[in-house]
């Protein structure tokens, strides 16, 4: 089950787990749109050491930075590539963050089903 964990900024995010600071990351775009502020833009990245996917809110009408980690959904590189297949086309569109959250919900449901089947 996905649980969102929120951090005030990237420094707080990296400090919460030392593996994050030294791990390679894969970026999945910096122009994601949507969320709770239509003016906000987001960066989406995957942390290799933890398998975490996070959204970093970079700008917005409220001049507010934040990091949201989707805890409980540890993804391999192949899995995150499959979940985000098509991201480059979707990313710059309005409400693209909604598409991302939908993809994560599908991945979460499939993971839960696979666990239930053993």
N, C-alpha and C. Protein backbone atom coordinates (compact mmCIF):
# COMPACT_ATOMS: atom_id res chain seq x y z
N UNK A 1 0.83 -1.17 0.00
CA UNK A 1 0.00 0.00 0.00
C UNK A 1 0.89 1.25 0.00
N UNK A 2 0.55 2.19 -0.86
CA UNK A 2 1.32 3.43 -0.95
C UNK A 2 0.92 4.38 0.18
N UNK A 3 1.93 4.90 0.84
CA UNK A 3 1.73 5.93 1.85
C UNK A 3 2.61 7.11 1.45
N UNK A 4 2.01 8.27 1.35
CA UNK A 4 2.78 9.46 1.00
C UNK A 4 3.50 9.98 2.23
N UNK A 5 4.79 10.23 2.06
CA UNK A 5 5.57 10.87 3.12
C UNK A 5 6.01 12.23 2.57
N UNK A 6 5.87 13.26 3.38
CA UNK A 6 6.15 14.62 2.93
C UNK A 6 7.36 15.19 3.66
N UNK A 7 8.18 15.90 2.92
CA UNK A 7 9.35 16.58 3.45
C UNK A 7 9.32 18.03 2.98
N UNK A 8 9.85 18.93 3.79
CA UNK A 8 9.81 20.36 3.47
C UNK A 8 10.67 20.71 2.25
N UNK A 9 11.77 19.97 2.07
CA UNK A 9 12.67 20.26 0.95
C UNK A 9 13.56 19.05 0.70
N UNK A 10 14.43 19.16 -0.31
CA UNK A 10 15.30 18.04 -0.65
C UNK A 10 16.31 17.74 0.46
N UNK A 11 16.80 18.75 1.15
CA UNK A 11 17.75 18.51 2.24
C UNK A 11 17.14 17.62 3.31
N UNK A 12 15.92 17.91 3.69
CA UNK A 12 15.23 17.10 4.71
C UNK A 12 14.99 15.68 4.19
N UNK A 13 14.61 15.57 2.93
CA UNK A 13 14.39 14.26 2.30
C UNK A 13 15.65 13.41 2.34
N UNK A 14 16.78 13.97 1.90
CA UNK A 14 18.03 13.21 1.88
C UNK A 14 18.51 12.88 3.28
N UNK A 15 18.33 13.79 4.22
CA UNK A 15 18.78 13.56 5.60
C UNK A 15 18.00 12.44 6.29
N UNK A 16 16.78 12.20 5.87
CA UNK A 16 15.93 11.19 6.50
C UNK A 16 16.39 9.76 6.22
N UNK A 17 17.18 9.56 5.17
CA UNK A 17 17.69 8.23 4.84
C UNK A 17 19.04 8.41 4.15
N UNK A 18 20.14 8.08 4.83
CA UNK A 18 21.48 8.31 4.28
C UNK A 18 21.74 7.64 2.94
N UNK A 19 21.01 6.57 2.63
CA UNK A 19 21.20 5.90 1.35
C UNK A 19 20.84 6.81 0.18
N UNK A 20 19.90 7.71 0.41
CA UNK A 20 19.45 8.62 -0.65
C UNK A 20 20.55 9.57 -1.10
N UNK A 21 21.36 10.01 -0.15
CA UNK A 21 22.39 11.02 -0.45
C UNK A 21 23.44 10.52 -1.42
N UNK A 22 23.75 9.25 -1.37
CA UNK A 22 24.84 8.71 -2.18
C UNK A 22 24.33 7.89 -3.38
N UNK A 23 23.06 7.70 -3.46
CA UNK A 23 22.49 6.84 -4.51
C UNK A 23 22.35 7.57 -5.84
N UNK A 24 22.61 6.85 -6.93
CA UNK A 24 22.26 7.40 -8.23
C UNK A 24 20.74 7.57 -8.31
N UNK A 25 20.32 8.56 -9.08
CA UNK A 25 18.90 8.80 -9.30
C UNK A 25 18.64 8.86 -10.80
N UNK A 26 17.42 8.53 -11.16
CA UNK A 26 16.98 8.66 -12.54
C UNK A 26 15.85 9.67 -12.55
N UNK A 27 16.02 10.73 -13.34
CA UNK A 27 14.98 11.75 -13.45
C UNK A 27 13.99 11.38 -14.53
N UNK A 28 12.73 11.64 -14.23
CA UNK A 28 11.64 11.43 -15.17
C UNK A 28 10.93 12.75 -15.45
N UNK A 29 11.71 13.74 -15.77
CA UNK A 29 11.16 15.02 -16.18
C UNK A 29 11.05 16.04 -15.07
N UNK A 30 11.12 17.31 -15.47
CA UNK A 30 11.07 18.42 -14.52
C UNK A 30 9.93 19.39 -14.81
N UNK A 31 9.06 19.02 -15.72
CA UNK A 31 7.98 19.92 -16.10
C UNK A 31 6.60 19.30 -15.85
N UNK A 32 6.48 18.46 -14.83
CA UNK A 32 5.19 17.89 -14.49
C UNK A 32 4.27 19.00 -14.01
N UNK A 33 2.99 18.90 -14.33
CA UNK A 33 2.02 19.94 -13.99
C UNK A 33 0.84 19.35 -13.22
N UNK A 34 0.22 20.20 -12.41
CA UNK A 34 -0.98 19.76 -11.71
C UNK A 34 -0.82 19.80 -10.23
N UNK A 35 -1.41 18.85 -9.58
CA UNK A 35 -1.37 18.84 -8.13
C UNK A 35 -2.31 19.87 -7.56
N UNK A 36 -1.98 20.38 -6.38
CA UNK A 36 -2.88 21.31 -5.70
C UNK A 36 -2.71 22.76 -6.14
N UNK A 37 -1.82 23.01 -7.08
CA UNK A 37 -1.57 24.37 -7.56
C UNK A 37 -1.32 24.31 -9.07
N UNK A 38 -2.20 24.91 -9.84
CA UNK A 38 -2.09 24.85 -11.30
C UNK A 38 -0.81 25.50 -11.81
N UNK A 39 -0.20 26.39 -11.03
CA UNK A 39 1.02 27.06 -11.45
C UNK A 39 2.29 26.28 -11.09
N UNK A 40 2.15 25.27 -10.29
CA UNK A 40 3.31 24.53 -9.80
C UNK A 40 3.93 23.65 -10.88
N UNK A 41 5.24 23.48 -10.78
CA UNK A 41 5.92 22.49 -11.62
C UNK A 41 6.67 21.54 -10.69
N UNK A 42 6.82 20.32 -11.16
CA UNK A 42 7.37 19.25 -10.33
C UNK A 42 8.44 18.48 -11.09
N UNK A 43 9.38 17.95 -10.34
CA UNK A 43 10.36 17.01 -10.87
C UNK A 43 10.03 15.65 -10.29
N UNK A 44 10.12 14.62 -11.10
CA UNK A 44 9.88 13.24 -10.63
C UNK A 44 11.18 12.46 -10.80
N UNK A 45 11.62 11.81 -9.73
CA UNK A 45 12.87 11.04 -9.76
C UNK A 45 12.70 9.73 -9.01
N UNK A 46 13.55 8.80 -9.38
CA UNK A 46 13.59 7.47 -8.76
C UNK A 46 14.96 7.31 -8.11
N UNK A 47 14.99 6.84 -6.86
CA UNK A 47 16.23 6.63 -6.10
C UNK A 47 16.60 5.16 -6.18
N UNK A 48 17.74 4.88 -6.78
CA UNK A 48 18.15 3.49 -7.00
C UNK A 48 18.29 2.69 -5.70
N UNK A 49 18.94 3.26 -4.69
CA UNK A 49 19.23 2.51 -3.46
C UNK A 49 17.98 2.11 -2.68
N UNK A 50 16.94 2.91 -2.78
CA UNK A 50 15.73 2.64 -1.98
C UNK A 50 14.55 2.17 -2.83
N UNK A 51 14.63 2.36 -4.15
CA UNK A 51 13.51 2.02 -5.02
C UNK A 51 12.37 3.01 -4.92
N UNK A 52 12.63 4.17 -4.29
CA UNK A 52 11.58 5.17 -4.07
C UNK A 52 11.41 6.07 -5.29
N UNK A 53 10.18 6.40 -5.54
CA UNK A 53 9.85 7.41 -6.52
C UNK A 53 9.38 8.63 -5.74
N UNK A 54 9.91 9.80 -6.09
CA UNK A 54 9.48 11.00 -5.37
C UNK A 54 9.15 12.12 -6.34
N UNK A 55 8.30 13.01 -5.85
CA UNK A 55 7.93 14.22 -6.59
C UNK A 55 8.46 15.41 -5.80
N UNK A 56 9.22 16.25 -6.49
CA UNK A 56 9.76 17.46 -5.87
C UNK A 56 9.05 18.67 -6.47
N UNK A 57 8.30 19.35 -5.65
CA UNK A 57 7.61 20.56 -6.10
C UNK A 57 8.62 21.69 -6.15
N UNK A 58 8.91 22.18 -7.36
CA UNK A 58 9.97 23.16 -7.54
C UNK A 58 9.47 24.59 -7.55
N UNK A 59 8.29 24.83 -8.10
CA UNK A 59 7.77 26.19 -8.20
C UNK A 59 6.27 26.16 -8.02
N UNK A 60 5.71 27.31 -7.92
CA UNK A 60 4.26 27.39 -7.82
C UNK A 60 3.82 28.75 -7.34
N UNK A 61 2.56 28.98 -7.45
CA UNK A 61 1.99 30.25 -7.04
C UNK A 61 2.21 30.56 -5.57
N UNK A 62 2.39 29.52 -4.76
CA UNK A 62 2.59 29.72 -3.33
C UNK A 62 4.07 29.76 -2.95
N UNK A 63 4.96 29.75 -3.97
CA UNK A 63 6.41 29.74 -3.72
C UNK A 63 6.76 28.72 -2.65
N UNK A 64 6.36 27.51 -2.87
CA UNK A 64 6.42 26.47 -1.86
C UNK A 64 7.17 25.27 -2.43
N UNK A 65 8.22 24.85 -1.75
CA UNK A 65 8.97 23.68 -2.17
C UNK A 65 8.58 22.52 -1.26
N UNK A 66 8.50 21.34 -1.82
CA UNK A 66 8.22 20.17 -0.98
C UNK A 66 8.60 18.91 -1.74
N UNK A 67 8.75 17.83 -0.99
CA UNK A 67 9.06 16.53 -1.56
C UNK A 67 8.02 15.54 -1.05
N UNK A 68 7.45 14.77 -1.96
CA UNK A 68 6.52 13.70 -1.59
C UNK A 68 7.12 12.38 -2.06
N UNK A 69 7.26 11.45 -1.13
CA UNK A 69 7.78 10.12 -1.44
C UNK A 69 6.64 9.14 -1.35
N UNK A 70 6.59 8.23 -2.30
CA UNK A 70 5.56 7.19 -2.29
C UNK A 70 6.15 5.95 -1.64
N UNK A 71 6.02 5.91 -0.32
CA UNK A 71 6.57 4.85 0.50
C UNK A 71 5.67 3.62 0.41
N UNK A 72 6.27 2.46 0.45
CA UNK A 72 5.49 1.23 0.39
C UNK A 72 5.43 0.67 -1.02
N UNK A 73 5.95 1.42 -1.97
CA UNK A 73 5.98 0.96 -3.36
C UNK A 73 7.43 1.04 -3.80
N UNK A 74 8.19 0.00 -3.49
CA UNK A 74 9.60 -0.05 -3.86
C UNK A 74 9.69 -0.66 -5.25
N UNK A 75 10.22 0.14 -6.18
CA UNK A 75 10.25 -0.26 -7.57
C UNK A 75 11.66 -0.49 -8.07
N UNK A 76 11.86 -1.56 -8.83
CA UNK A 76 13.12 -1.76 -9.52
C UNK A 76 13.16 -0.79 -10.70
N UNK A 77 14.32 -0.65 -11.32
CA UNK A 77 14.42 0.25 -12.47
C UNK A 77 13.50 -0.21 -13.60
N UNK A 78 13.46 -1.51 -13.86
CA UNK A 78 12.57 -2.03 -14.91
C UNK A 78 11.11 -1.75 -14.59
N UNK A 79 10.74 -1.90 -13.32
CA UNK A 79 9.36 -1.67 -12.92
C UNK A 79 8.98 -0.20 -13.06
N UNK A 80 9.87 0.70 -12.63
CA UNK A 80 9.54 2.12 -12.74
C UNK A 80 9.46 2.55 -14.20
N UNK A 81 10.32 1.99 -15.04
CA UNK A 81 10.23 2.28 -16.48
C UNK A 81 8.90 1.82 -17.05
N UNK A 82 8.44 0.66 -16.62
CA UNK A 82 7.15 0.15 -17.11
C UNK A 82 5.98 0.99 -16.59
N UNK A 83 6.02 1.35 -15.31
CA UNK A 83 4.95 2.15 -14.70
C UNK A 83 4.85 3.51 -15.37
N UNK A 84 6.00 4.10 -15.71
CA UNK A 84 6.01 5.44 -16.27
C UNK A 84 6.16 5.46 -17.79
N UNK A 85 5.91 4.34 -18.42
CA UNK A 85 5.99 4.27 -19.88
C UNK A 85 5.10 5.37 -20.50
N UNK A 86 5.69 6.19 -21.33
CA UNK A 86 4.96 7.28 -21.97
C UNK A 86 5.07 8.61 -21.24
N UNK A 87 5.84 8.65 -20.16
CA UNK A 87 5.93 9.85 -19.32
C UNK A 87 6.39 11.08 -20.08
N UNK A 88 7.29 10.93 -21.04
CA UNK A 88 7.84 12.10 -21.74
C UNK A 88 6.77 12.85 -22.54
N UNK A 89 5.76 12.13 -22.99
CA UNK A 89 4.67 12.76 -23.73
C UNK A 89 3.70 13.42 -22.76
N UNK A 90 3.44 12.76 -21.65
CA UNK A 90 2.45 13.23 -20.68
C UNK A 90 2.99 14.37 -19.82
N UNK A 91 4.25 14.32 -19.46
CA UNK A 91 4.86 15.22 -18.48
C UNK A 91 4.51 16.70 -18.65
N UNK A 92 4.67 17.31 -19.82
CA UNK A 92 4.44 18.77 -19.90
C UNK A 92 2.96 19.17 -19.98
N UNK A 93 2.07 18.22 -20.02
CA UNK A 93 0.65 18.53 -20.15
C UNK A 93 0.05 18.96 -18.81
N UNK A 94 -1.01 19.76 -18.90
CA UNK A 94 -1.73 20.13 -17.68
C UNK A 94 -2.24 18.87 -16.99
N UNK A 95 -2.21 18.88 -15.70
CA UNK A 95 -2.70 17.77 -14.86
C UNK A 95 -1.92 16.46 -15.05
N UNK A 96 -0.68 16.56 -15.52
CA UNK A 96 0.13 15.35 -15.71
C UNK A 96 0.43 14.64 -14.40
N UNK A 97 0.46 15.38 -13.29
CA UNK A 97 0.68 14.74 -11.99
C UNK A 97 -0.45 13.76 -11.69
N UNK A 98 -1.66 14.07 -12.13
CA UNK A 98 -2.79 13.15 -11.97
C UNK A 98 -2.56 11.84 -12.70
N UNK A 99 -2.00 11.92 -13.91
CA UNK A 99 -1.66 10.71 -14.68
C UNK A 99 -0.63 9.88 -13.89
N UNK A 100 0.39 10.56 -13.37
CA UNK A 100 1.43 9.88 -12.60
C UNK A 100 0.83 9.16 -11.39
N UNK A 101 -0.01 9.85 -10.65
CA UNK A 101 -0.64 9.23 -9.47
C UNK A 101 -1.51 8.04 -9.87
N UNK A 102 -2.18 8.13 -11.02
CA UNK A 102 -2.96 7.01 -11.52
C UNK A 102 -2.10 5.81 -11.84
N UNK A 103 -0.96 6.05 -12.46
CA UNK A 103 -0.02 4.97 -12.79
C UNK A 103 0.49 4.30 -11.52
N UNK A 104 0.79 5.10 -10.50
CA UNK A 104 1.27 4.54 -9.24
C UNK A 104 0.19 3.73 -8.55
N UNK A 105 -1.05 4.17 -8.64
CA UNK A 105 -2.16 3.42 -8.04
C UNK A 105 -2.32 2.07 -8.73
N UNK A 106 -2.18 2.04 -10.04
CA UNK A 106 -2.26 0.78 -10.78
C UNK A 106 -1.12 -0.15 -10.35
N UNK A 107 0.09 0.38 -10.27
CA UNK A 107 1.25 -0.43 -9.86
C UNK A 107 1.05 -0.98 -8.45
N UNK A 108 0.51 -0.15 -7.57
CA UNK A 108 0.24 -0.56 -6.19
C UNK A 108 -0.78 -1.69 -6.16
N UNK A 109 -1.84 -1.55 -6.93
CA UNK A 109 -2.89 -2.59 -6.97
C UNK A 109 -2.34 -3.90 -7.53
N UNK A 110 -1.53 -3.82 -8.57
CA UNK A 110 -0.95 -5.04 -9.15
C UNK A 110 0.02 -5.71 -8.17
N UNK A 111 0.76 -4.89 -7.43
CA UNK A 111 1.69 -5.43 -6.44
C UNK A 111 0.94 -6.15 -5.32
N UNK A 112 -0.15 -5.54 -4.86
CA UNK A 112 -0.96 -6.15 -3.80
C UNK A 112 -1.59 -7.46 -4.28
N UNK A 113 -2.04 -7.46 -5.52
CA UNK A 113 -2.64 -8.68 -6.08
C UNK A 113 -1.60 -9.78 -6.19
N UNK A 114 -0.41 -9.45 -6.63
CA UNK A 114 0.66 -10.44 -6.76
C UNK A 114 1.03 -11.02 -5.39
N UNK A 115 1.09 -10.17 -4.37
CA UNK A 115 1.38 -10.63 -3.02
C UNK A 115 0.30 -11.55 -2.50
N UNK A 116 -0.95 -11.23 -2.78
CA UNK A 116 -2.09 -12.05 -2.32
C UNK A 116 -2.07 -13.43 -2.98
N UNK A 117 -1.61 -13.49 -4.22
CA UNK A 117 -1.57 -14.76 -4.94
C UNK A 117 -0.35 -15.60 -4.53
N UNK A 118 0.59 -14.95 -3.84
CA UNK A 118 1.73 -15.67 -3.31
C UNK A 118 2.79 -15.81 -4.30
